[in-house]
């Protein structure tokens, strides 16, 4: 016996509409589709079933045959299951279940928690798992499927996953409010290199920052180093030296008391803040919502999304440029 080819969900909807309205014309009006489409669906199902589903006579509309009655019972069970499936799928998309984010360690205090707080105001059921670490470690987590997305600079390892550029992050100086540069509007790398330096001691970041300082031709004197972004800010405020940082938060952090952020006069490469994920064009709703909120937070109103420094060479070209 040849297996029966299952009807499509669309065909089942058409046939149920005919059964409910009692005619092809009534189903056509209810569904707002051509009668020929409904007729074609009926004929296709009857051909595959090997039996008539409707007794169609002029002036009597369309009445279910005994075989059609049994077919409709099965069809309605399938359509009911399909509706439950769609409801569960929608609920899954709307529950905003746990969002797993990996971020370069300084980003958490800089902006990630603030962005997540704003997102949670819109999605009250949002749950977050935040993993902080260096970029090679985060890349491994993403490759193993342990993260929905990661936030990093376009430095270091290339990512095979999908990369979305968020905003350039031109370097700027962080100086003590009680230090020699406190009254300045800007400062150069050479001027900073002549004083003790507070180093953000993260993998890749160390090489990047020391290469920037090397452009001055003066060997940097490291007065303080730490993996913690907050500790770097506190050390600058305490007078251990000055520093160079990249991403500047839209509003000062609480730990910035005693510090000033100044533009650099040098034409320096600007690392790009990127979001990396494995979803491609099929990003979950909560991932898209987070990225939209992130872009809105880091991009001033009316801006194009590219901050000053858009024409600067990329940070990945720094060593080649200075060699």
Protein backbone atom coordinates (compact mmCIF):
# COMPACT_ATOMS: atom_id res chain seq x y z
CA UNK A 1 0.00 0.00 0.00
CA UNK A 2 1.34 3.38 -1.00
CA UNK A 3 1.84 5.75 1.96
CA UNK A 4 -0.52 8.70 2.08
CA UNK A 5 1.18 12.01 1.43
CA UNK A 6 0.35 14.31 4.36
CA UNK A 7 -1.55 17.47 3.59
CA UNK A 8 0.13 20.78 4.28
CA UNK A 9 -0.97 22.97 7.18
CA UNK A 10 -2.24 25.53 4.68
CA UNK A 11 -4.38 22.90 2.91
CA UNK A 12 -5.81 21.79 6.25
CA UNK A 13 -6.72 25.37 7.12
CA UNK A 14 -8.50 25.75 3.77
CA UNK A 15 -10.45 22.51 4.14
CA UNK A 16 -11.45 23.29 7.73
CA UNK A 17 -12.74 26.67 6.58
CA UNK A 18 -14.89 24.93 3.97
CA UNK A 19 -16.23 22.51 6.57
CA UNK A 20 -16.99 25.37 8.96
CA UNK A 21 -18.69 27.61 6.40
CA UNK A 22 -20.38 24.86 4.42
CA UNK A 23 -19.19 26.13 1.07
CA UNK A 24 -16.11 27.02 -0.92
CA UNK A 25 -17.47 30.53 -1.42
CA UNK A 26 -17.93 30.99 2.32
CA UNK A 27 -14.39 29.78 3.01
CA UNK A 28 -13.08 32.10 0.30
CA UNK A 29 -14.78 35.09 1.92
CA UNK A 30 -13.62 34.12 5.42
CA UNK A 31 -10.00 33.56 4.39
CA UNK A 32 -9.97 36.31 1.76
CA UNK A 33 -8.35 34.11 -0.84
CA UNK A 34 -9.43 32.96 -4.29
CA UNK A 35 -11.90 30.08 -4.55
CA UNK A 36 -9.53 28.39 -6.99
CA UNK A 37 -6.86 28.09 -4.26
CA UNK A 38 -9.33 26.35 -1.95
CA UNK A 39 -10.57 24.08 -4.71
CA UNK A 40 -6.98 23.12 -5.58
CA UNK A 41 -6.30 22.26 -1.93
CA UNK A 42 -9.40 20.04 -1.74
CA UNK A 43 -8.54 18.24 -4.96
CA UNK A 44 -4.93 17.67 -3.85
CA UNK A 45 -6.02 16.16 -0.52
CA UNK A 46 -8.72 14.01 -2.14
CA UNK A 47 -6.17 12.74 -4.69
CA UNK A 48 -3.67 11.80 -1.98
CA UNK A 49 -6.38 10.34 0.25
CA UNK A 50 -7.97 8.37 -2.58
CA UNK A 51 -11.44 9.39 -1.43
CA UNK A 52 -13.76 12.38 -1.58
CA UNK A 53 -13.71 14.67 1.44
CA UNK A 54 -16.70 16.78 0.40
CA UNK A 55 -19.91 16.06 -1.41
CA UNK A 56 -20.08 19.13 -3.60
CA UNK A 57 -23.35 19.74 -5.39
CA UNK A 58 -24.69 22.88 -7.00
CA UNK A 59 -27.02 24.65 -4.61
CA UNK A 60 -26.05 22.44 -1.64
CA UNK A 61 -22.60 23.79 -0.94
CA UNK A 62 -19.98 21.37 0.37
CA UNK A 63 -20.87 18.67 2.89
CA UNK A 64 -18.40 16.31 4.48
CA UNK A 65 -18.56 12.69 3.38
CA UNK A 66 -18.16 9.94 6.02
CA UNK A 67 -14.52 9.64 4.95
CA UNK A 68 -14.29 13.41 5.12
CA UNK A 69 -15.63 13.39 8.69
CA UNK A 70 -12.83 11.05 9.77
CA UNK A 71 -10.31 13.13 7.85
CA UNK A 72 -11.51 16.32 9.56
CA UNK A 73 -11.15 14.78 13.03
CA UNK A 74 -7.50 14.04 12.29
CA UNK A 75 -7.02 17.42 10.62
CA UNK A 76 -8.43 19.35 13.57
CA UNK A 77 -6.19 17.46 16.00
CA UNK A 78 -3.17 18.35 13.87
CA UNK A 79 -4.20 22.01 13.60
CA UNK A 80 -4.77 22.16 17.35
CA UNK A 81 -1.27 20.77 17.91
CA UNK A 82 0.10 23.30 15.41
CA UNK A 83 -1.56 26.16 17.32
CA UNK A 84 -0.08 24.92 20.60
CA UNK A 85 3.32 24.69 18.93
CA UNK A 86 3.07 28.27 17.69
CA UNK A 87 1.94 29.47 21.12
CA UNK A 88 4.82 27.71 22.85
CA UNK A 89 7.25 29.05 20.27
CA UNK A 90 5.97 32.60 20.81
CA UNK A 91 6.13 32.16 24.57
CA UNK A 92 9.71 30.93 24.29
CA UNK A 93 10.64 33.97 22.23
CA UNK A 94 8.85 36.34 24.61
CA UNK A 95 10.06 34.90 27.91
CA UNK A 96 13.47 36.45 27.33
CA UNK A 97 15.17 33.51 28.98
CA UNK A 98 18.77 33.74 30.09
CA UNK A 99 21.01 35.91 27.97
CA UNK A 100 24.59 34.65 28.09
CA UNK A 101 27.05 37.46 27.43
CA UNK A 102 30.83 37.37 27.44
CA UNK A 103 32.69 40.64 27.66
CA UNK A 104 36.20 41.98 27.88
CA UNK A 105 36.64 42.56 31.62
CA UNK A 106 36.61 46.38 31.68
CA UNK A 107 33.34 46.52 29.72
CA UNK A 108 31.19 45.30 32.63
CA UNK A 109 31.72 48.41 34.77
CA UNK A 110 32.03 50.68 31.74
CA UNK A 111 28.67 50.03 30.13
CA UNK A 112 27.40 46.43 30.05
CA UNK A 113 25.59 46.47 33.41
CA UNK A 114 24.02 49.84 32.58
CA UNK A 115 22.83 48.60 29.19
CA UNK A 116 21.42 45.42 30.75
CA UNK A 117 19.63 47.50 33.38
CA UNK A 118 17.95 49.54 30.66
CA UNK A 119 17.04 46.39 28.76
CA UNK A 120 15.56 44.79 31.87
CA UNK A 121 13.27 47.80 32.32
CA UNK A 122 11.74 46.79 28.97
CA UNK A 123 12.00 43.02 29.51
CA UNK A 124 11.20 42.42 33.19
CA UNK A 125 11.77 38.65 32.92
CA UNK A 126 15.30 39.04 31.59
CA UNK A 127 17.89 36.79 33.21
CA UNK A 128 21.58 37.34 32.54
CA UNK A 129 24.70 35.25 32.79
CA UNK A 130 27.74 37.51 32.40
CA UNK A 131 31.19 36.06 31.79
CA UNK A 132 34.13 38.45 32.03
CA UNK A 133 37.55 37.58 30.68
CA UNK A 134 40.19 38.21 28.08
CA UNK A 135 39.36 37.87 24.41
CA UNK A 136 41.04 34.50 23.67
CA UNK A 137 39.16 32.92 26.59
CA UNK A 138 35.85 34.42 25.50
CA UNK A 139 36.42 33.20 21.96
CA UNK A 140 36.75 29.63 23.23
CA UNK A 141 33.50 29.96 25.20
CA UNK A 142 31.68 31.24 22.11
CA UNK A 143 33.03 28.42 19.95
CA UNK A 144 31.77 25.87 22.50
CA UNK A 145 28.28 27.38 22.40
CA UNK A 146 28.46 28.63 26.00
CA UNK A 147 27.73 32.26 25.06
CA UNK A 148 25.00 33.93 23.01
CA UNK A 149 27.37 36.73 22.10
CA UNK A 150 30.58 38.36 23.22
CA UNK A 151 31.75 41.97 23.28
CA UNK A 152 35.37 42.74 22.50
CA UNK A 153 37.71 44.98 20.56
CA UNK A 154 38.84 44.03 17.07
CA UNK A 155 42.28 43.21 18.46
CA UNK A 156 43.93 39.84 18.75
CA UNK A 157 42.33 36.64 17.42
CA UNK A 158 40.12 36.73 14.36
CA UNK A 159 36.57 35.55 14.93
CA UNK A 160 35.05 33.00 12.57
CA UNK A 161 31.58 33.87 13.87
CA UNK A 162 29.47 36.82 12.75
CA UNK A 163 30.89 40.21 13.73
CA UNK A 164 28.78 43.34 14.18
CA UNK A 165 30.64 46.65 14.50
CA UNK A 166 29.21 48.76 17.32
CA UNK A 167 31.38 51.88 17.55
CA UNK A 168 35.01 52.99 17.18
CA UNK A 169 36.85 53.58 20.46
CA UNK A 170 39.54 56.24 19.98
CA UNK A 171 42.18 56.28 22.74
CA UNK A 172 42.11 59.09 25.27
CA UNK A 173 44.16 60.07 28.30
CA UNK A 174 43.13 59.55 31.89
CA UNK A 175 44.91 61.99 34.22
CA UNK A 176 44.71 62.92 37.87
CA UNK A 177 42.58 65.95 38.72
CA UNK A 178 45.44 67.04 40.97
CA UNK A 179 48.18 66.33 38.44
CA UNK A 180 50.16 68.53 35.99
CA UNK A 181 47.70 68.01 33.11
CA UNK A 182 44.55 68.87 35.07
CA UNK A 183 44.22 72.33 33.51
CA UNK A 184 44.88 71.12 29.96
CA UNK A 185 42.32 70.64 27.20
CA UNK A 186 44.36 67.85 25.59
CA UNK A 187 47.65 66.03 25.92
CA UNK A 188 50.05 64.10 23.69
CA UNK A 189 51.45 60.59 24.03
CA UNK A 190 54.96 62.03 24.33
CA UNK A 191 53.90 64.18 27.29
CA UNK A 192 52.27 61.19 28.98
CA UNK A 193 55.33 59.01 28.39
CA UNK A 194 57.48 61.50 30.30
CA UNK A 195 55.56 60.67 33.49
CA UNK A 196 54.80 57.42 35.33
CA UNK A 197 52.13 55.35 33.62
CA UNK A 198 49.25 53.33 35.06
CA UNK A 199 48.83 50.25 32.88
CA UNK A 200 45.65 48.24 32.30
CA UNK A 201 47.36 44.87 32.32
CA UNK A 202 45.05 42.71 30.20
CA UNK A 203 46.31 40.31 27.51
CA UNK A 204 46.49 42.10 24.14
CA UNK A 205 45.75 45.43 25.88
CA UNK A 206 49.27 45.49 27.31
CA UNK A 207 50.84 45.16 23.87
CA UNK A 208 48.49 47.73 22.39
CA UNK A 209 49.10 50.34 25.11
CA UNK A 210 52.87 49.85 25.26
CA UNK A 211 53.03 50.18 21.48
CA UNK A 212 51.12 53.46 21.71
CA UNK A 213 53.58 54.74 24.29
CA UNK A 214 56.47 53.49 22.18
CA UNK A 215 55.42 55.93 19.46
CA UNK A 216 56.86 58.72 21.63
CA UNK A 217 60.34 57.25 21.47
CA UNK A 218 60.57 57.29 25.27
CA UNK A 219 60.61 54.07 27.30
CA UNK A 220 57.50 54.13 29.51
CA UNK A 221 57.89 54.04 33.28
CA UNK A 222 55.15 51.82 34.68
CA UNK A 223 54.18 53.15 38.09
CA UNK A 224 51.18 50.87 38.60
CA UNK A 225 49.61 47.98 36.74
CA UNK A 226 46.37 46.07 37.27
CA UNK A 227 43.92 43.85 35.38
CA UNK A 228 41.06 45.78 36.98
CA UNK A 229 39.66 48.81 35.15
CA UNK A 230 38.35 50.25 38.41
CA UNK A 231 41.76 49.86 40.04
CA UNK A 232 43.41 51.73 37.17
CA UNK A 233 41.01 54.64 37.65
CA UNK A 234 41.63 54.68 41.40
CA UNK A 235 45.39 54.51 40.91
CA UNK A 236 45.33 57.52 38.55
CA UNK A 237 43.22 59.47 41.07
CA UNK A 238 45.70 58.50 43.82
CA UNK A 239 48.62 59.96 41.85
CA UNK A 240 50.41 56.80 40.69
CA UNK A 241 50.54 58.17 37.16
CA UNK A 242 48.44 58.74 34.05
CA UNK A 243 46.89 56.22 31.71
CA UNK A 244 45.50 55.74 28.22
CA UNK A 245 42.11 54.09 27.79
CA UNK A 246 39.75 53.57 24.89
CA UNK A 247 36.02 53.26 25.28
CA UNK A 248 34.68 56.31 27.08
CA UNK A 249 31.40 55.79 28.95
CA UNK A 250 28.58 58.23 28.09
CA UNK A 251 28.56 59.40 31.70
CA UNK A 252 31.37 59.39 34.31
CA UNK A 253 31.70 56.32 36.49
CA UNK A 254 31.44 56.63 40.26
CA UNK A 255 35.08 55.57 40.63
CA UNK A 256 36.25 58.38 38.33
CA UNK A 257 36.22 60.90 41.17
CA UNK A 258 39.64 62.52 41.13
CA UNK A 259 40.25 61.76 37.43
CA UNK A 260 39.88 63.64 34.18
CA UNK A 261 39.57 62.22 30.66
CA UNK A 262 41.39 64.28 28.01
CA UNK A 263 41.61 63.96 24.22
CA UNK A 264 44.94 62.93 22.75
CA UNK A 265 46.48 65.21 20.16
CA UNK A 266 48.08 62.30 18.30
CA UNK A 267 46.56 60.63 15.25
CA UNK A 268 46.24 57.16 16.72
CA UNK A 269 44.43 53.98 15.65
CA UNK A 270 40.94 53.47 17.04
CA UNK A 271 39.96 49.94 18.04
CA UNK A 272 36.43 48.95 17.07
CA UNK A 273 34.02 47.69 19.69
CA UNK A 274 32.42 44.59 18.19
CA UNK A 275 29.69 42.11 19.08
CA UNK A 276 30.29 38.52 17.96
CA UNK A 277 27.70 35.73 17.74
CA UNK A 278 27.00 32.50 15.89
CA UNK A 279 23.39 33.25 14.96
CA UNK A 280 23.95 35.09 11.69
CA UNK A 281 20.72 36.68 10.46
CA UNK A 282 18.60 34.52 12.80
CA UNK A 283 19.47 36.22 16.09
CA UNK A 284 17.10 35.51 19.00
CA UNK A 285 14.84 38.40 19.87
CA UNK A 286 16.60 39.09 23.17
CA UNK A 287 20.02 39.20 21.46
CA UNK A 288 18.74 41.72 18.92
CA UNK A 289 17.16 43.78 21.71
CA UNK A 290 20.42 43.86 23.66
CA UNK A 291 22.43 44.96 20.61
CA UNK A 292 19.90 47.69 19.82
CA UNK A 293 20.05 48.93 23.41
CA UNK A 294 23.85 48.81 23.36
CA UNK A 295 24.06 50.85 20.17
CA UNK A 296 21.56 53.40 21.48
CA UNK A 297 23.50 53.78 24.75
CA UNK A 298 26.92 54.23 23.16
CA UNK A 299 25.82 56.38 20.23
CA UNK A 300 24.84 59.98 21.01
CA UNK A 301 21.47 61.15 19.59
CA UNK A 302 21.82 62.23 15.97
CA UNK A 303 25.19 60.53 15.54
CA UNK A 304 25.89 58.02 12.80
CA UNK A 305 27.25 55.40 15.16
CA UNK A 306 30.86 56.30 14.37
CA UNK A 307 32.55 58.51 16.90
CA UNK A 308 35.56 60.80 16.25
CA UNK A 309 38.41 58.79 14.85
CA UNK A 310 36.36 57.07 12.14
CA UNK A 311 39.07 57.77 9.56
CA UNK A 312 41.90 56.60 11.80
CA UNK A 313 43.62 53.32 10.92
CA UNK A 314 42.37 50.24 12.71
CA UNK A 315 44.14 49.24 15.92
CA UNK A 316 45.12 45.91 14.40
CA UNK A 317 47.42 47.84 12.03
CA UNK A 318 49.19 49.68 14.85
CA UNK A 319 52.37 47.64 15.07
CA UNK A 320 52.81 47.63 11.28
CA UNK A 321 52.26 51.38 11.18
CA UNK A 322 54.81 52.15 13.89
CA UNK A 323 57.47 49.67 12.75
